[in-house]
């Protein structure tokens, strides 16, 4: 019986890639907290995940190979690059403008960074438990 690792961790692999990209965007916001005119950005995780999963389903329908891009603006078939190619959104500030045009709210960004980090760690733990279960099944199956 063939083992399909995509079925084992495919969803979580996409989630890790998107969470990694989101962590970079949030840290960029924090780094530019004092830059006049800087607009805070974010990745909509749910939309990015939907895009990643539809790209992954397309790969399975085409036999596991990468998708063919028919236009330069189409997202490529590589699941790990979906988050990187996803359209950035500007965050709507909840506080009044301080006069310099910067929309970064440091405490809110720190909270988002911590939340994203915890979710990233939880996904890693879930993948780890899946792999451990698979290793256990493989080692006990041969006896």
Protein backbone atom coordinates (compact mmCIF):
# COMPACT_ATOMS: atom_id res chain seq x y z
CA UNK A 1 0.00 0.00 0.00
CA UNK A 2 1.45 3.36 -1.04
CA UNK A 3 1.79 6.13 1.54
CA UNK A 4 0.67 9.55 0.36
CA UNK A 5 2.42 12.19 2.47
CA UNK A 6 0.36 14.94 0.83
CA UNK A 7 -2.77 13.42 2.35
CA UNK A 8 -0.99 13.11 5.68
CA UNK A 9 0.27 16.70 6.00
CA UNK A 10 -0.84 18.61 2.86
CA UNK A 11 -3.28 20.95 4.60
CA UNK A 12 -0.86 21.64 7.43
CA UNK A 13 2.05 22.22 5.05
CA UNK A 14 0.04 24.97 3.40
CA UNK A 15 -0.92 26.43 6.77
CA UNK A 16 2.74 26.56 7.84
CA UNK A 17 3.76 28.34 4.64
CA UNK A 18 1.02 30.94 5.05
CA UNK A 19 1.75 31.42 8.75
CA UNK A 20 5.44 31.90 7.95
CA UNK A 21 4.63 34.57 5.37
CA UNK A 22 2.18 36.23 7.75
CA UNK A 23 4.85 36.29 10.47
CA UNK A 24 7.18 38.13 8.07
CA UNK A 25 4.48 40.67 7.17
CA UNK A 26 3.65 41.36 10.83
CA UNK A 27 7.32 41.68 11.76
CA UNK A 28 7.70 44.13 8.86
CA UNK A 29 4.86 46.16 10.32
CA UNK A 30 6.57 46.21 13.70
CA UNK A 31 9.89 47.20 12.15
CA UNK A 32 8.20 50.15 10.43
CA UNK A 33 6.18 51.33 13.44
CA UNK A 34 7.99 54.69 13.42
CA UNK A 35 8.20 55.16 9.65
CA UNK A 36 6.05 58.13 8.59
CA UNK A 37 3.39 57.20 6.05
CA UNK A 38 3.86 53.42 6.45
CA UNK A 39 0.61 51.48 6.08
CA UNK A 40 0.25 48.27 8.13
CA UNK A 41 -0.31 45.17 5.96
CA UNK A 42 -1.61 41.69 6.56
CA UNK A 43 -2.47 38.43 4.83
CA UNK A 44 -6.04 37.16 5.16
CA UNK A 45 -5.23 33.66 6.42
CA UNK A 46 -8.63 32.19 5.49
CA UNK A 47 -8.52 33.44 1.90
CA UNK A 48 -4.89 32.36 1.51
CA UNK A 49 -5.76 28.88 2.85
CA UNK A 50 -8.70 28.58 0.44
CA UNK A 51 -6.39 29.52 -2.40
CA UNK A 52 -3.75 27.04 -1.25
CA UNK A 53 -6.25 24.21 -0.88
CA UNK A 54 -7.81 24.83 -4.30
CA UNK A 55 -4.31 24.85 -5.83
CA UNK A 56 -3.52 21.61 -4.01
CA UNK A 57 -6.75 20.00 -5.22
CA UNK A 58 -5.87 21.07 -8.75
CA UNK A 59 -2.52 19.33 -8.42
CA UNK A 60 -4.19 16.10 -7.34
CA UNK A 61 -6.63 16.26 -10.25
CA UNK A 62 -3.73 16.69 -12.67
CA UNK A 63 -1.91 13.68 -11.28
CA UNK A 64 0.25 15.47 -8.70
CA UNK A 65 2.29 17.57 -11.12
CA UNK A 66 2.49 21.32 -11.00
CA UNK A 67 -0.21 23.40 -12.62
CA UNK A 68 0.35 25.14 -15.91
CA UNK A 69 0.07 28.93 -15.76
CA UNK A 70 -1.72 30.37 -18.76
CA UNK A 71 -1.30 34.00 -17.72
CA UNK A 72 1.44 35.88 -15.82
CA UNK A 73 -0.99 37.05 -13.14
CA UNK A 74 -2.21 33.53 -12.33
CA UNK A 75 -0.97 31.97 -9.12
CA UNK A 76 1.47 29.13 -9.70
CA UNK A 77 0.68 25.54 -8.76
CA UNK A 78 3.32 25.25 -6.03
CA UNK A 79 1.43 25.18 -2.72
CA UNK A 80 4.37 26.58 -0.74
CA UNK A 81 4.37 29.75 -2.82
CA UNK A 82 0.65 30.49 -2.58
CA UNK A 83 1.00 32.67 0.51
CA UNK A 84 3.88 34.62 -1.01
CA UNK A 85 1.83 35.39 -4.11
CA UNK A 86 -1.35 36.21 -2.22
CA UNK A 87 -2.53 39.79 -2.41
CA UNK A 88 -1.55 41.88 0.60
CA UNK A 89 -4.26 43.81 2.35
CA UNK A 90 -3.85 47.05 4.24
CA UNK A 91 -5.05 47.00 7.80
CA UNK A 92 -7.76 49.44 8.84
CA UNK A 93 -6.51 51.30 11.94
CA UNK A 94 -8.64 51.31 15.08
CA UNK A 95 -6.88 54.33 16.59
CA UNK A 96 -6.95 57.90 15.26
CA UNK A 97 -4.09 59.06 13.03
CA UNK A 98 -1.12 60.43 14.97
CA UNK A 99 -0.37 62.92 12.23
CA UNK A 100 2.41 61.08 10.41
CA UNK A 101 0.15 58.76 8.36
CA UNK A 102 1.52 55.58 9.95
CA UNK A 103 -1.20 52.96 10.63
CA UNK A 104 0.87 50.49 12.68
CA UNK A 105 -0.56 49.86 16.15
CA UNK A 106 2.37 48.27 17.95
CA UNK A 107 0.48 46.48 20.73
CA UNK A 108 -2.07 45.03 18.29
CA UNK A 109 0.73 43.88 15.96
CA UNK A 110 2.54 42.21 18.87
CA UNK A 111 -0.65 40.39 19.80
CA UNK A 112 -1.14 39.24 16.20
CA UNK A 113 2.49 38.12 16.05
CA UNK A 114 2.12 36.07 19.25
CA UNK A 115 -1.21 34.58 18.11
CA UNK A 116 0.24 33.63 14.74
CA UNK A 117 3.31 32.12 16.44
CA UNK A 118 1.16 30.00 18.75
CA UNK A 119 -0.91 28.75 15.83
CA UNK A 120 2.29 28.00 13.89
CA UNK A 121 3.61 25.97 16.84
CA UNK A 122 0.29 24.10 17.18
CA UNK A 123 0.41 23.17 13.50
CA UNK A 124 3.99 21.90 13.91
CA UNK A 125 2.92 19.80 16.89
CA UNK A 126 0.02 18.35 14.90
CA UNK A 127 2.32 17.43 12.00
CA UNK A 128 4.79 15.93 14.47
CA UNK A 129 2.07 13.74 16.00
CA UNK A 130 0.94 12.61 12.53
CA UNK A 131 4.50 11.62 11.60
CA UNK A 132 5.00 9.82 14.92
CA UNK A 133 1.77 7.91 14.36
CA UNK A 134 2.89 6.96 10.86
CA UNK A 135 6.30 5.82 12.14
CA UNK A 136 4.60 3.73 14.83
CA UNK A 137 2.26 2.15 12.29
CA UNK A 138 5.16 1.35 9.96
CA UNK A 139 7.32 -0.13 12.72
CA UNK A 140 4.53 -2.31 14.15
CA UNK A 141 3.27 -3.36 10.72
CA UNK A 142 6.43 -5.29 9.93
CA UNK A 143 6.23 -7.55 13.00
